[in-house]
Amino acid sequence: MSLDSDVIVDRRRIRRKLTFWRVAAVVVAIAAIVTVGLIATPAGRGALTTSGSIARINIDGLIRSDRERVEALERLEKSSAAAVIVHINSPGGTTAGSEQLYDALTRLKAKKPVVVVVEGLAASGGYITAIAADYIVAQQSSLVGSIGVLFQFPNFSELLKTVGVKVEEVKSSPLKAAPNGFEPTSPEARAAIDALVKDSYAWFRGLVQARRGMDEAQLEKVADGRVFTGRQAVELKLIDALGDEKTAVEWLVANKNVKKDLPVRDYKLTPRFGDLTFLRTAASVTLDALGLSTIARNIEQAGVTQAVDRLALDGMLALWQPAGSN
């Protein structure tokens, strides 16, 4: 065998060994990361030693339909938690998702006292979520309300004319897939969407009126789509008191026979590692350092995909959108 052949064989042997140790290092690194995650996170989805405690859950960001969240709340119903404090910081989301969450919290409230604490924002679908509770607390500068329904769709018809593109279609009836954004919205299509919005708005208004004990005059003051500060909201009967989590605990002790000095412990509504973003980052950095940059990029791209998906809200919206947010 020539010297060159020996060198090639040695190089291949070294490359195989290097690949083996790289894979071994990745396995060890991932095992270490998972171990840290298990230590940092209660075991099991939504797991929490709730015995002799008050459960704390968080509703943040856009609200969409979420079967796993409903199942986590159903498990909380069966737990030994003395009560539940729901922290909300949400501009709302889809009406279907908000209704689903409202119904789940209503079932939970039938088993345990539930108090909502508005952190910064409980608007539209976020407020639908809040009124499921026995009691609502908000900070003075929190924003609450935005009682209304929104249906938005882009219309590209003028742009398509400019670039010389025409979209043709064959459909079973004029209102099928209308409006579609490729042609001016017909009066019939606009009327159909308007009927949907009005029906959902009537449902939202009725929910607020029933849950907050308002008469028509009081409801008219708050149901025009505006948001209100916590200071305004307490006078308008949108919330019950100004304060924070301590205020919520004090109310539970005074009104729901919850024992004083019970600890408040987090109860996770997300998958076990769903809120541990460091896992993805650490795995990506580890793989990149080991020369497996393609896998690292795929991990990072998965995170971007999830972020985009959170913004892809479909259907009727109960969502507060401040000026300039579009």
C-alpha atoms as a PDB file:
ATOM      1  CA  MET A   1       0.000   0.000   0.000  1.00  0.00           C
ATOM      2  CA  SER A   2       1.398   3.401  -0.952  1.00  0.00           C
ATOM      3  CA  LEU A   3       2.128   6.188   1.510  1.00  0.00           C
ATOM      4  CA  ASP A   4      -0.725   8.270   0.039  1.00  0.00           C
ATOM      5  CA  SER A   5      -3.156   5.403   0.606  1.00  0.00           C
ATOM      6  CA  ASP A   6      -2.050   5.114   4.237  1.00  0.00           C
ATOM      7  CA  VAL A   7      -2.606   8.827   4.763  1.00  0.00           C
ATOM      8  CA  ILE A   8      -6.081   8.644   3.252  1.00  0.00           C
ATOM      9  CA  VAL A   9      -7.026   5.672   5.467  1.00  0.00           C
ATOM     10  CA  ASP A  10      -5.693   7.448   8.568  1.00  0.00           C
ATOM     11  CA  ARG A  11      -7.646  10.576   7.712  1.00  0.00           C
ATOM     12  CA  ARG A  12     -10.854   8.597   7.286  1.00  0.00           C
ATOM     13  CA  ARG A  13     -10.280   6.846  10.602  1.00  0.00           C
ATOM     14  CA  ILE A  14      -9.694  10.182  12.344  1.00  0.00           C
ATOM     15  CA  ARG A  15     -12.802  11.654  10.686  1.00  0.00           C
ATOM     16  CA  ARG A  16     -14.947   8.735  11.913  1.00  0.00           C
ATOM     17  CA  LYS A  17     -13.600   9.140  15.450  1.00  0.00           C
ATOM     18  CA  LEU A  18     -14.229  12.871  15.331  1.00  0.00           C
ATOM     19  CA  THR A  19     -17.804  12.306  14.165  1.00  0.00           C
ATOM     20  CA  PHE A  20     -18.356   9.789  16.971  1.00  0.00           C
ATOM     21  CA  TRP A  21     -17.108  12.177  19.641  1.00  0.00           C
ATOM     22  CA  ARG A  22     -19.144  15.023  18.188  1.00  0.00           C
ATOM     23  CA  VAL A  23     -22.302  12.933  18.391  1.00  0.00           C
ATOM     24  CA  ALA A  24     -21.401  11.816  21.905  1.00  0.00           C
ATOM     25  CA  ALA A  25     -20.825  15.424  22.961  1.00  0.00           C
ATOM     26  CA  VAL A  26     -24.200  16.439  21.522  1.00  0.00           C
ATOM     27  CA  VAL A  27     -25.950  13.626  23.428  1.00  0.00           C
ATOM     28  CA  VAL A  28     -24.243  14.625  26.666  1.00  0.00           C
ATOM     29  CA  ALA A  29     -25.037  18.322  26.119  1.00  0.00           C
ATOM     30  CA  ILE A  30     -28.716  17.640  25.378  1.00  0.00           C
ATOM     31  CA  ALA A  31     -28.974  15.343  28.405  1.00  0.00           C
ATOM     32  CA  ALA A  32     -27.492  18.096  30.593  1.00  0.00           C
ATOM     33  CA  ILE A  33     -29.903  20.686  29.180  1.00  0.00           C
ATOM     34  CA  VAL A  34     -32.912  18.423  29.751  1.00  0.00           C
ATOM     35  CA  THR A  35     -31.762  17.742  33.305  1.00  0.00           C
ATOM     36  CA  VAL A  36     -31.529  21.474  34.004  1.00  0.00           C
ATOM     37  CA  GLY A  37     -34.994  21.891  32.459  1.00  0.00           C
ATOM     38  CA  LEU A  38     -36.436  19.205  34.700  1.00  0.00           C
ATOM     39  CA  ILE A  39     -34.963  20.888  37.752  1.00  0.00           C
ATOM     40  CA  ALA A  40     -36.193  24.325  36.694  1.00  0.00           C
ATOM     41  CA  THR A  41     -39.675  23.140  35.705  1.00  0.00           C
ATOM     42  CA  PRO A  42     -42.220  21.229  37.804  1.00  0.00           C
ATOM     43  CA  ALA A  43     -42.490  17.629  36.639  1.00  0.00           C
ATOM     44  CA  GLY A  44     -45.258  17.020  34.175  1.00  0.00           C
ATOM     45  CA  ARG A  45     -47.375  19.337  32.094  1.00  0.00           C
ATOM     46  CA  GLY A  46     -49.107  21.889  34.283  1.00  0.00           C
ATOM     47  CA  ALA A  47     -47.725  20.036  37.265  1.00  0.00           C
ATOM     48  CA  LEU A  48     -47.684  21.697  40.647  1.00  0.00           C
ATOM     49  CA  THR A  49     -47.893  20.591  44.216  1.00  0.00           C
ATOM     50  CA  THR A  50     -51.084  22.542  44.799  1.00  0.00           C
ATOM     51  CA  SER A  51     -51.924  21.039  48.161  1.00  0.00           C
ATOM     52  CA  GLY A  52     -52.228  23.835  50.681  1.00  0.00           C
ATOM     53  CA  SER A  53     -51.598  26.569  48.124  1.00  0.00           C
ATOM     54  CA  ILE A  54     -53.195  29.029  45.731  1.00  0.00           C
ATOM     55  CA  ALA A  55     -52.498  28.309  42.054  1.00  0.00           C
ATOM     56  CA  ARG A  56     -51.217  31.121  39.848  1.00  0.00           C
ATOM     57  CA  ILE A  57     -51.744  30.916  36.091  1.00  0.00           C
ATOM     58  CA  ASN A  58     -50.760  33.376  33.367  1.00  0.00           C
ATOM     59  CA  ILE A  59     -52.628  34.356  30.206  1.00  0.00           C
ATOM     60  CA  ASP A  60     -50.251  36.383  28.043  1.00  0.00           C
ATOM     61  CA  GLY A  61     -50.297  37.619  24.470  1.00  0.00           C
ATOM     62  CA  LEU A  62     -52.711  36.673  21.718  1.00  0.00           C
ATOM     63  CA  ILE A  63     -55.493  34.266  22.632  1.00  0.00           C
ATOM     64  CA  ARG A  64     -56.286  31.439  20.223  1.00  0.00           C
ATOM     65  CA  SER A  65     -58.086  28.132  20.575  1.00  0.00           C
ATOM     66  CA  ASP A  66     -55.855  25.820  22.593  1.00  0.00           C
ATOM     67  CA  ARG A  67     -57.026  22.336  23.544  1.00  0.00           C
ATOM     68  CA  GLU A  68     -53.924  21.664  25.652  1.00  0.00           C
ATOM     69  CA  ARG A  69     -54.606  24.768  27.745  1.00  0.00           C
ATOM     70  CA  VAL A  70     -58.183  23.627  28.324  1.00  0.00           C
ATOM     71  CA  GLU A  71     -56.955  20.205  29.421  1.00  0.00           C
ATOM     72  CA  ALA A  72     -54.475  21.810  31.823  1.00  0.00           C
ATOM     73  CA  LEU A  73     -57.299  23.868  33.356  1.00  0.00           C
ATOM     74  CA  GLU A  74     -59.406  20.709  33.677  1.00  0.00           C
ATOM     75  CA  ARG A  75     -56.580  19.085  35.631  1.00  0.00           C
ATOM     76  CA  LEU A  76     -56.415  22.163  37.828  1.00  0.00           C
ATOM     77  CA  GLU A  77     -60.138  21.701  38.569  1.00  0.00           C
ATOM     78  CA  LYS A  78     -59.325  18.293  40.066  1.00  0.00           C
ATOM     79  CA  SER A  79     -56.271  19.470  42.005  1.00  0.00           C
ATOM     80  CA  SER A  80     -56.189  20.339  45.691  1.00  0.00           C
ATOM     81  CA  ALA A  81     -55.454  24.025  45.097  1.00  0.00           C
ATOM     82  CA  ALA A  82     -57.510  26.189  47.442  1.00  0.00           C
ATOM     83  CA  ALA A  83     -58.101  28.897  44.820  1.00  0.00           C
ATOM     84  CA  VAL A  84     -56.783  30.238  41.519  1.00  0.00           C
ATOM     85  CA  ILE A  85     -55.346  33.630  40.620  1.00  0.00           C
ATOM     86  CA  VAL A  86     -55.272  34.367  36.875  1.00  0.00           C
ATOM     87  CA  HIS A  87     -52.801  37.011  35.720  1.00  0.00           C
ATOM     88  CA  ILE A  88     -53.854  38.503  32.373  1.00  0.00           C
ATOM     89  CA  ASN A  89     -51.813  40.630  29.998  1.00  0.00           C
ATOM     90  CA  SER A  90     -53.506  40.248  26.612  1.00  0.00           C
ATOM     91  CA  PRO A  91     -54.917  42.420  23.814  1.00  0.00           C
ATOM     92  CA  GLY A  92     -57.325  39.578  22.959  1.00  0.00           C
ATOM     93  CA  GLY A  93     -57.346  37.300  19.933  1.00  0.00           C
ATOM     94  CA  THR A  94     -59.949  35.252  18.109  1.00  0.00           C
ATOM     95  CA  THR A  95     -63.503  35.288  19.444  1.00  0.00           C
ATOM     96  CA  ALA A  96     -63.593  31.478  19.295  1.00  0.00           C
ATOM     97  CA  GLY A  97     -60.375  31.165  21.282  1.00  0.00           C
ATOM     98  CA  SER A  98     -61.547  33.740  23.820  1.00  0.00           C
ATOM     99  CA  GLU A  99     -64.882  31.968  24.233  1.00  0.00           C
ATOM    100  CA  GLN A 100     -63.119  28.640  24.707  1.00  0.00           C
ATOM    101  CA  LEU A 101     -60.908  30.088  27.425  1.00  0.00           C
ATOM    102  CA  TYR A 102     -63.872  31.832  29.071  1.00  0.00           C
ATOM    103  CA  ASP A 103     -65.808  28.563  29.196  1.00  0.00           C
ATOM    104  CA  ALA A 104     -62.829  26.676  30.640  1.00  0.00           C
ATOM    105  CA  LEU A 105     -62.356  29.273  33.384  1.00  0.00           C
ATOM    106  CA  THR A 106     -66.094  29.262  34.105  1.00  0.00           C
ATOM    107  CA  ARG A 107     -65.951  25.494  34.690  1.00  0.00           C
ATOM    108  CA  LEU A 108     -62.892  25.995  36.878  1.00  0.00           C
ATOM    109  CA  LYS A 109     -64.709  28.694  38.866  1.00  0.00           C
ATOM    110  CA  ALA A 110     -67.498  26.221  39.627  1.00  0.00           C
ATOM    111  CA  LYS A 111     -64.947  24.115  41.523  1.00  0.00           C
ATOM    112  CA  LYS A 112     -62.617  26.746  42.986  1.00  0.00           C
ATOM    113  CA  PRO A 113     -62.642  30.503  43.658  1.00  0.00           C
ATOM    114  CA  VAL A 114     -61.048  32.369  40.751  1.00  0.00           C
ATOM    115  CA  VAL A 115     -59.673  35.917  40.863  1.00  0.00           C
ATOM    116  CA  VAL A 116     -58.218  37.801  37.892  1.00  0.00           C
ATOM    117  CA  VAL A 117     -55.336  40.243  38.214  1.00  0.00           C
ATOM    118  CA  VAL A 118     -54.906  42.488  35.156  1.00  0.00           C
ATOM    119  CA  GLU A 119     -51.181  43.068  34.778  1.00  0.00           C
ATOM    120  CA  GLY A 120     -51.069  45.601  31.964  1.00  0.00           C
ATOM    121  CA  LEU A 121     -53.856  44.850  29.524  1.00  0.00           C
ATOM    122  CA  ALA A 122     -57.125  42.924  29.421  1.00  0.00           C
ATOM    123  CA  ALA A 123     -58.760  44.094  26.206  1.00  0.00           C
ATOM    124  CA  SER A 124     -61.317  42.494  23.900  1.00  0.00           C
ATOM    125  CA  GLY A 125     -60.762  38.732  24.190  1.00  0.00           C
ATOM    126  CA  GLY A 126     -58.545  39.419  27.192  1.00  0.00           C
ATOM    127  CA  TYR A 127     -61.502  41.056  28.900  1.00  0.00           C
ATOM    128  CA  ILE A 128     -63.798  38.166  27.900  1.00  0.00           C
ATOM    129  CA  THR A 129     -61.319  35.968  29.760  1.00  0.00           C
ATOM    130  CA  ALA A 130     -61.310  38.270  32.787  1.00  0.00           C
ATOM    131  CA  ILE A 131     -65.074  38.353  33.324  1.00  0.00           C
ATOM    132  CA  ALA A 132     -65.176  34.597  33.851  1.00  0.00           C
ATOM    133  CA  ALA A 133     -63.690  35.221  37.318  1.00  0.00           C
ATOM    134  CA  ASP A 134     -65.422  35.812  40.647  1.00  0.00           C
ATOM    135  CA  TYR A 135     -63.467  39.033  41.143  1.00  0.00           C
ATOM    136  CA  ILE A 136     -61.308  41.288  38.944  1.00  0.00           C
ATOM    137  CA  VAL A 137     -58.392  43.349  40.210  1.00  0.00           C
ATOM    138  CA  ALA A 138     -56.353  45.741  38.064  1.00  0.00           C
ATOM    139  CA  GLN A 139     -53.604  48.263  38.567  1.00  0.00           C
ATOM    140  CA  GLN A 140     -54.504  51.927  38.281  1.00  0.00           C
ATOM    141  CA  SER A 141     -52.700  52.277  34.944  1.00  0.00           C
ATOM    142  CA  SER A 142     -53.827  48.939  33.475  1.00  0.00           C
ATOM    143  CA  LEU A 143     -55.949  49.080  30.314  1.00  0.00           C
ATOM    144  CA  VAL A 144     -59.281  47.271  30.376  1.00  0.00           C
ATOM    145  CA  GLY A 145     -62.248  46.934  28.022  1.00  0.00           C
ATOM    146  CA  SER A 146     -62.285  47.285  24.233  1.00  0.00           C
ATOM    147  CA  ILE A 147     -65.679  45.611  24.109  1.00  0.00           C
ATOM    148  CA  GLY A 148     -66.152  44.961  20.429  1.00  0.00           C
ATOM    149  CA  VAL A 149     -65.512  42.629  17.497  1.00  0.00           C
ATOM    150  CA  LEU A 150     -63.311  43.108  14.454  1.00  0.00           C
ATOM    151  CA  PHE A 151     -63.186  41.510  11.030  1.00  0.00           C
ATOM    152  CA  GLN A 152     -60.276  42.708   8.900  1.00  0.00           C
ATOM    153  CA  PHE A 153     -59.205  41.673   5.423  1.00  0.00           C
ATOM    154  CA  PRO A 154     -56.761  43.207   2.949  1.00  0.00           C
ATOM    155  CA  ASN A 155     -57.983  44.253  -0.491  1.00  0.00           C
ATOM    156  CA  PHE A 156     -55.395  44.116  -3.265  1.00  0.00           C
ATOM    157  CA  SER A 157     -57.733  44.899  -6.166  1.00  0.00           C
ATOM    158  CA  GLU A 158     -56.228  48.325  -6.980  1.00  0.00           C
ATOM    159  CA  LEU A 159     -52.690  46.937  -6.738  1.00  0.00           C
ATOM    160  CA  LEU A 160     -53.573  44.063  -9.071  1.00  0.00           C
ATOM    161  CA  LYS A 161     -54.961  46.552 -11.608  1.00  0.00           C
ATOM    162  CA  THR A 162     -51.710  48.502 -11.455  1.00  0.00           C
ATOM    163  CA  VAL A 163     -49.532  45.461 -12.143  1.00  0.00           C
ATOM    164  CA  GLY A 164     -51.962  44.027 -14.678  1.00  0.00           C
ATOM    165  CA  VAL A 165     -53.027  40.895 -12.817  1.00  0.00           C
ATOM    166  CA  LYS A 166     -56.565  39.563 -12.816  1.00  0.00           C
ATOM    167  CA  VAL A 167     -57.686  36.704 -10.605  1.00  0.00           C
ATOM    168  CA  GLU A 168     -60.436  34.604 -12.187  1.00  0.00           C
ATOM    169  CA  GLU A 169     -62.650  32.207 -10.278  1.00  0.00           C
ATOM    170  CA  VAL A 170     -65.597  29.883 -10.629  1.00  0.00           C
ATOM    171  CA  LYS A 171     -67.711  29.427  -7.506  1.00  0.00           C
ATOM    172  CA  SER A 172     -71.042  27.958  -6.526  1.00  0.00           C
ATOM    173  CA  SER A 173     -72.628  31.185  -5.280  1.00  0.00           C
ATOM    174  CA  PRO A 174     -71.759  34.909  -5.078  1.00  0.00           C
ATOM    175  CA  LEU A 175     -70.977  34.833  -1.341  1.00  0.00           C
ATOM    176  CA  LYS A 176     -68.681  31.791  -1.479  1.00  0.00           C
ATOM    177  CA  ALA A 177     -65.188  32.873  -0.286  1.00  0.00           C
ATOM    178  CA  ALA A 178     -66.264  36.506  -0.167  1.00  0.00           C
ATOM    179  CA  PRO A 179     -64.652  38.886   0.466  1.00  0.00           C
ATOM    180  CA  ASN A 180     -61.467  37.552  -1.091  1.00  0.00           C
ATOM    181  CA  GLY A 181     -59.259  40.641  -1.390  1.00  0.00           C
ATOM    182  CA  PHE A 182     -58.769  40.242  -5.141  1.00  0.00           C
ATOM    183  CA  GLU A 183     -61.791  42.284  -6.187  1.00  0.00           C
ATOM    184  CA  PRO A 184     -63.831  45.132  -4.712  1.00  0.00           C
ATOM    185  CA  THR A 185     -66.045  43.876  -1.905  1.00  0.00           C
ATOM    186  CA  SER A 186     -69.642  43.596  -3.066  1.00  0.00           C
ATOM    187  CA  PRO A 187     -72.475  45.118  -0.985  1.00  0.00           C
ATOM    188  CA  GLU A 188     -73.826  41.615  -0.392  1.00  0.00           C
ATOM    189  CA  ALA A 189     -70.482  40.342   0.932  1.00  0.00           C
ATOM    190  CA  ARG A 190     -70.063  43.394   3.157  1.00  0.00           C
ATOM    191  CA  ALA A 191     -73.577  42.915   4.522  1.00  0.00           C
ATOM    192  CA  ALA A 192     -72.856  39.255   5.312  1.00  0.00           C
ATOM    193  CA  ILE A 193     -69.681  40.138   7.210  1.00  0.00           C
ATOM    194  CA  ASP A 194     -71.499  42.965   8.977  1.00  0.00           C
ATOM    195  CA  ALA A 195     -74.128  40.486  10.192  1.00  0.00           C
ATOM    196  CA  LEU A 196     -71.396  38.233  11.597  1.00  0.00           C
ATOM    197  CA  VAL A 197     -69.743  41.123  13.419  1.00  0.00           C
ATOM    198  CA  LYS A 198     -73.023  42.392  14.858  1.00  0.00           C
ATOM    199  CA  ASP A 199     -74.033  38.940  16.076  1.00  0.00           C
ATOM    200  CA  SER A 200     -70.679  38.369  17.813  1.00  0.00           C
ATOM    201  CA  TYR A 201     -70.800  41.886  19.243  1.00  0.00           C
ATOM    202  CA  ALA A 202     -74.277  41.229  20.672  1.00  0.00           C
ATOM    203  CA  TRP A 203     -72.940  38.052  22.303  1.00  0.00           C
ATOM    204  CA  PHE A 204     -69.983  39.985  23.787  1.00  0.00           C
ATOM    205  CA  ARG A 205     -72.254  42.757  25.113  1.00  0.00           C
ATOM    206  CA  GLY A 206     -74.660  40.268  26.639  1.00  0.00           C
ATOM    207  CA  LEU A 207     -71.799  38.459  28.347  1.00  0.00           C
ATOM    208  CA  VAL A 208     -70.476  41.680  29.876  1.00  0.00           C
ATOM    209  CA  GLN A 209     -73.943  42.800  30.966  1.00  0.00           C
ATOM    210  CA  ALA A 210     -74.709  39.494  32.656  1.00  0.00           C
ATOM    211  CA  ARG A 211     -71.321  38.968  34.312  1.00  0.00           C
ATOM    212  CA  ARG A 212     -70.866  42.567  35.490  1.00  0.00           C
ATOM    213  CA  GLY A 213     -74.477  43.220  36.446  1.00  0.00           C
ATOM    214  CA  MET A 214     -74.914  46.304  34.251  1.00  0.00           C
ATOM    215  CA  ASP A 215     -78.096  47.910  33.031  1.00  0.00           C
ATOM    216  CA  GLU A 216     -78.374  49.164  29.451  1.00  0.00           C
ATOM    217  CA  ALA A 217     -77.269  52.698  30.336  1.00  0.00           C
ATOM    218  CA  GLN A 218     -74.130  51.438  32.066  1.00  0.00           C
ATOM    219  CA  LEU A 219     -73.385  49.051  29.226  1.00  0.00           C
ATOM    220  CA  GLU A 220     -73.639  51.805  26.607  1.00  0.00           C
ATOM    221  CA  LYS A 221     -70.932  53.782  28.410  1.00  0.00           C
ATOM    222  CA  VAL A 222     -68.372  51.007  28.105  1.00  0.00           C
ATOM    223  CA  ALA A 223     -69.310  49.025  24.980  1.00  0.00           C
ATOM    224  CA  ASP A 224     -68.140  51.386  22.233  1.00  0.00           C
ATOM    225  CA  GLY A 225     -64.768  49.712  21.721  1.00  0.00           C
ATOM    226  CA  ARG A 226     -62.691  51.979  23.954  1.00  0.00           C
ATOM    227  CA  VAL A 227     -60.216  50.852  26.565  1.00  0.00           C
ATOM    228  CA  PHE A 228     -60.233  52.359  30.038  1.00  0.00           C
ATOM    229  CA  THR A 229     -57.589  52.728  32.712  1.00  0.00           C
ATOM    230  CA  GLY A 230     -57.977  50.741  35.893  1.00  0.00           C
ATOM    231  CA  ARG A 231     -59.041  53.914  37.697  1.00  0.00           C
ATOM    232  CA  GLN A 232     -61.809  54.489  35.158  1.00  0.00           C
ATOM    233  CA  ALA A 233     -62.759  50.816  34.947  1.00  0.00           C
ATOM    234  CA  VAL A 234     -63.479  50.424  38.648  1.00  0.00           C
ATOM    235  CA  GLU A 235     -65.980  53.293  38.543  1.00  0.00           C
ATOM    236  CA  LEU A 236     -67.572  51.892  35.375  1.00  0.00           C
ATOM    237  CA  LYS A 237     -67.984  48.432  36.982  1.00  0.00           C
ATOM    238  CA  LEU A 238     -65.665  46.762  34.477  1.00  0.00           C
ATOM    239  CA  ILE A 239     -63.481  45.620  37.384  1.00  0.00           C
ATOM    240  CA  ASP A 240     -64.015  45.255  41.120  1.00  0.00           C
ATOM    241  CA  ALA A 241     -60.939  46.781  42.727  1.00  0.00           C
ATOM    242  CA  LEU A 242     -57.577  48.417  42.182  1.00  0.00           C
ATOM    243  CA  GLY A 243     -54.551  46.472  43.317  1.00  0.00           C
ATOM    244  CA  ASP A 244     -52.314  43.512  42.601  1.00  0.00           C
ATOM    245  CA  GLU A 245     -51.893  39.870  43.583  1.00  0.00           C
ATOM    246  CA  LYS A 246     -51.825  40.746  47.285  1.00  0.00           C
ATOM    247  CA  THR A 247     -55.215  42.421  46.853  1.00  0.00           C
ATOM    248  CA  ALA A 248     -56.520  39.252  45.188  1.00  0.00           C
ATOM    249  CA  VAL A 249     -55.263  37.065  48.034  1.00  0.00           C
ATOM    250  CA  GLU A 250     -56.811  39.386  50.629  1.00  0.00           C
ATOM    251  CA  TRP A 251     -60.179  39.123  48.852  1.00  0.00           C
ATOM    252  CA  LEU A 252     -59.973  35.333  48.762  1.00  0.00           C
ATOM    253  CA  VAL A 253     -59.211  35.217  52.488  1.00  0.00           C
ATOM    254  CA  ALA A 254     -62.024  37.619  53.343  1.00  0.00           C
ATOM    255  CA  ASN A 255     -64.705  36.262  50.996  1.00  0.00           C
ATOM    256  CA  LYS A 256     -63.931  32.659  50.041  1.00  0.00           C
ATOM    257  CA  ASN A 257     -62.680  31.153  53.307  1.00  0.00           C
ATOM    258  CA  VAL A 258     -59.187  30.665  51.908  1.00  0.00           C
ATOM    259  CA  LYS A 259     -56.679  30.219  54.716  1.00  0.00           C
ATOM    260  CA  LYS A 260     -54.451  33.163  55.415  1.00  0.00           C
ATOM    261  CA  ASP A 261     -50.743  32.911  54.479  1.00  0.00           C
ATOM    262  CA  LEU A 262     -51.205  30.139  51.902  1.00  0.00           C
ATOM    263  CA  PRO A 263     -48.364  30.297  49.342  1.00  0.00           C
ATOM    264  CA  VAL A 264     -49.157  31.269  45.749  1.00  0.00           C
ATOM    265  CA  ARG A 265     -47.505  28.828  43.341  1.00  0.00           C
ATOM    266  CA  ASP A 266     -47.210  28.823  39.567  1.00  0.00           C
ATOM    267  CA  TYR A 267     -49.288  26.358  37.577  1.00  0.00           C
ATOM    268  CA  LYS A 268     -48.103  25.976  33.985  1.00  0.00           C
ATOM    269  CA  LEU A 269     -50.614  25.993  31.135  1.00  0.00           C
ATOM    270  CA  THR A 270     -47.899  25.443  28.523  1.00  0.00           C
ATOM    271  CA  PRO A 271     -46.096  22.181  27.650  1.00  0.00           C
ATOM    272  CA  ARG A 272     -43.344  21.133  29.995  1.00  0.00           C
ATOM    273  CA  PHE A 273     -40.597  22.860  28.011  1.00  0.00           C
ATOM    274  CA  GLY A 274     -42.836  25.267  26.101  1.00  0.00           C
ATOM    275  CA  ASP A 275     -41.761  28.311  28.087  1.00  0.00           C
ATOM    276  CA  LEU A 276     -38.079  27.320  28.441  1.00  0.00           C
ATOM    277  CA  THR A 277     -36.744  29.077  25.358  1.00  0.00           C
ATOM    278  CA  PHE A 278     -33.218  28.654  26.682  1.00  0.00           C
ATOM    279  CA  LEU A 279     -33.444  24.962  25.722  1.00  0.00           C
ATOM    280  CA  ARG A 280     -33.697  25.774  22.035  1.00  0.00           C
ATOM    281  CA  THR A 281     -30.999  28.430  22.259  1.00  0.00           C
ATOM    282  CA  ALA A 282     -28.603  26.236  24.244  1.00  0.00           C
ATOM    283  CA  ALA A 283     -29.095  23.298  21.885  1.00  0.00           C
ATOM    284  CA  SER A 284     -28.503  25.550  18.883  1.00  0.00           C
ATOM    285  CA  VAL A 285     -25.298  27.009  20.337  1.00  0.00           C
ATOM    286  CA  THR A 286     -24.032  23.557  21.307  1.00  0.00           C
ATOM    287  CA  LEU A 287     -24.651  22.098  17.852  1.00  0.00           C
ATOM    288  CA  ASP A 288     -23.091  25.104  16.155  1.00  0.00           C
ATOM    289  CA  ALA A 289     -19.982  24.831  18.323  1.00  0.00           C
ATOM    290  CA  LEU A 290     -19.683  21.177  17.360  1.00  0.00           C
ATOM    291  CA  GLY A 291     -19.744  22.024  13.683  1.00  0.00           C
ATOM    292  CA  LEU A 292     -23.332  20.935  13.083  1.00  0.00           C
ATOM    293  CA  SER A 293     -24.464  24.376  11.985  1.00  0.00           C
ATOM    294  CA  THR A 294     -27.204  23.102   9.645  1.00  0.00           C
ATOM    295  CA  ILE A 295     -29.068  21.470  12.530  1.00  0.00           C
ATOM    296  CA  ALA A 296     -28.533  24.618  14.618  1.00  0.00           C
ATOM    297  CA  ARG A 297     -30.093  26.798  11.908  1.00  0.00           C
ATOM    298  CA  ASN A 298     -33.094  24.466  11.688  1.00  0.00           C
ATOM    299  CA  ILE A 299     -33.650  24.807  15.435  1.00  0.00           C
ATOM    300  CA  GLU A 300     -33.550  28.600  15.248  1.00  0.00           C
ATOM    301  CA  GLN A 301     -35.868  28.619  12.231  1.00  0.00           C
ATOM    302  CA  ALA A 302     -38.373  26.491  14.153  1.00  0.00           C
ATOM    303  CA  GLY A 303     -38.509  29.240  16.752  1.00  0.00           C
ATOM    304  CA  VAL A 304     -39.157  31.868  14.064  1.00  0.00           C
ATOM    305  CA  THR A 305     -41.920  29.723  12.567  1.00  0.00           C
ATOM    306  CA  GLN A 306     -43.660  29.481  15.919  1.00  0.00           C
ATOM    307  CA  ALA A 307     -43.464  33.250  16.359  1.00  0.00           C
ATOM    308  CA  VAL A 308     -45.027  33.861  12.949  1.00  0.00           C
ATOM    309  CA  ASP A 309     -47.751  31.291  13.675  1.00  0.00           C
ATOM    310  CA  ARG A 310     -48.763  33.190  16.813  1.00  0.00           C
ATOM    311  CA  LEU A 311     -49.534  36.213  14.638  1.00  0.00           C
ATOM    312  CA  ALA A 312     -51.589  34.291  12.076  1.00  0.00           C
ATOM    313  CA  LEU A 313     -55.007  34.832  13.600  1.00  0.00           C
ATOM    314  CA  ASP A 314     -57.871  33.461  11.549  1.00  0.00           C
ATOM    315  CA  GLY A 315     -61.571  34.206  11.827  1.00  0.00           C
ATOM    316  CA  MET A 316     -63.476  36.795  13.835  1.00  0.00           C
ATOM    317  CA  LEU A 317     -61.284  38.797  16.188  1.00  0.00           C
ATOM    318  CA  ALA A 318     -61.899  40.204  19.626  1.00  0.00           C
ATOM    319  CA  LEU A 319     -58.635  42.113  19.546  1.00  0.00           C
ATOM    320  CA  TRP A 320     -57.512  45.562  20.655  1.00  0.00           C
ATOM    321  CA  GLN A 321     -55.242  47.219  18.102  1.00  0.00           C
ATOM    322  CA  PRO A 322     -53.921  50.632  19.157  1.00  0.00           C
ATOM    323  CA  ALA A 323     -53.319  53.226  16.449  1.00  0.00           C
ATOM    324  CA  GLY A 324     -50.195  52.530  14.430  1.00  0.00           C
ATOM    325  CA  SER A 325     -50.018  48.841  15.384  1.00  0.00           C
ATOM    326  CA  ASN A 326     -50.962  47.530  11.924  1.00  0.00           C
END
